[in-house]
Amino acid sequence: MSIAVALQKPNRDYSKPRSYRLIQLLKVLGKTLERIQAHRLSYYAVKYKFFPSTQYGGISGRSAQDAVMTITHHMTLKLPGTMIEQ
């Protein structure tokens, strides 16, 4: 079950039922709580290093730019005649 709230549509004749819009409050509350949980899980996963160091997508503080810089760094180390060969 959910709670429905009737909101008036702008510039309408409010004597007609079609002039109102029903909003379900339970789904909005559920989505909000789900988002809070997702942020908490993400925080703890990063804090306790559940993600590998090579994963960049979907992690706060890591971007596509970081991935490109990592690849560029590894390529520079492996190419002959550049910096250090391992």
Protein backbone atom coordinates (compact mmCIF):
# COMPACT_ATOMS: atom_id res chain seq x y z
CA MET A 1 0.00 0.00 0.00
CA SER A 2 1.00 3.57 -0.48
CA ILE A 3 -0.28 7.03 0.32
CA ALA A 4 -1.58 9.06 -2.61
CA VAL A 5 -1.57 12.86 -2.46
CA ALA A 6 -3.57 14.92 -4.94
CA LEU A 7 -1.75 17.93 -6.38
CA GLN A 8 -3.51 20.57 -8.44
CA LYS A 9 -2.38 21.01 -12.03
CA PRO A 10 -1.69 24.65 -12.91
CA ASN A 11 -4.29 26.75 -14.76
CA ARG A 12 -7.10 24.19 -14.62
CA ASP A 13 -10.73 24.13 -13.53
CA TYR A 14 -10.42 22.55 -10.09
CA SER A 15 -14.02 21.37 -10.05
CA LYS A 16 -13.05 18.59 -12.49
CA PRO A 17 -11.24 15.46 -11.29
CA ARG A 18 -8.77 15.64 -14.21
CA SER A 19 -7.38 18.86 -12.75
CA TYR A 20 -5.50 16.89 -10.10
CA ARG A 21 -2.41 14.74 -10.26
CA LEU A 22 -1.93 11.83 -7.85
CA ILE A 23 1.54 11.33 -6.36
CA GLN A 24 2.49 8.08 -4.60
CA LEU A 25 4.57 8.92 -1.53
CA LEU A 26 5.75 5.41 -0.66
CA LYS A 27 7.74 4.96 -3.87
CA VAL A 28 9.50 8.28 -3.38
CA LEU A 29 10.42 7.35 0.19
CA GLY A 30 11.67 3.94 -0.94
CA LYS A 31 13.82 5.45 -3.68
CA THR A 32 15.32 7.93 -1.22
CA LEU A 33 16.19 5.20 1.28
CA GLU A 34 17.62 3.03 -1.50
CA ARG A 35 19.87 5.88 -2.61
CA ILE A 36 21.11 6.46 0.94
CA GLN A 37 21.95 2.76 1.29
CA ALA A 38 23.77 2.74 -2.06
CA HIS A 39 25.92 5.69 -0.96
CA ARG A 40 26.73 3.98 2.35
CA LEU A 41 27.67 0.70 0.67
CA SER A 42 29.82 2.52 -1.84
CA TYR A 43 31.60 4.43 0.94
CA TYR A 44 32.39 1.27 2.92
CA ALA A 45 33.49 -0.61 -0.20
CA VAL A 46 36.05 2.12 -0.97
CA LYS A 47 37.09 2.53 2.68
CA TYR A 48 37.82 -1.18 3.16
CA LYS A 49 39.27 -1.59 -0.37
CA PHE A 50 36.75 -4.10 -1.74
CA PHE A 51 37.32 -2.75 -5.26
CA PRO A 52 40.48 -3.63 -7.18
CA SER A 53 42.87 -0.76 -7.89
CA THR A 54 42.22 -1.19 -11.62
CA GLN A 55 38.49 -0.38 -11.37
CA TYR A 56 37.61 3.23 -12.09
CA GLY A 57 33.93 3.28 -13.09
CA GLY A 58 31.29 3.93 -10.46
CA ILE A 59 33.73 4.80 -7.69
CA SER A 60 33.79 8.25 -6.15
CA GLY A 61 37.16 9.93 -6.56
CA ARG A 62 38.20 7.82 -9.57
CA SER A 63 37.58 9.00 -13.10
CA ALA A 64 38.23 8.13 -16.73
CA GLN A 65 41.12 10.58 -16.60
CA ASP A 66 42.75 8.47 -13.88
CA ALA A 67 42.37 5.36 -16.05
CA VAL A 68 44.02 7.08 -19.04
CA MET A 69 46.88 8.33 -16.87
CA THR A 70 47.46 4.81 -15.50
CA ILE A 71 47.55 3.29 -18.98
CA THR A 72 49.88 6.03 -20.22
CA HIS A 73 52.20 5.46 -17.25
CA HIS A 74 52.36 1.69 -17.83
CA MET A 75 52.94 2.15 -21.56
CA THR A 76 55.76 4.62 -20.91
CA LEU A 77 57.49 2.17 -18.59
CA LYS A 78 57.26 -0.67 -21.13
CA LEU A 79 58.42 1.17 -24.29
CA PRO A 80 62.13 0.84 -25.12
CA GLY A 81 64.06 4.10 -25.03
CA THR A 82 61.69 5.79 -22.58
CA MET A 83 62.22 6.32 -18.88
CA ILE A 84 62.77 2.92 -17.18
CA GLU A 85 62.34 -0.55 -18.60
CA GLN A 86 61.14 -3.23 -16.24
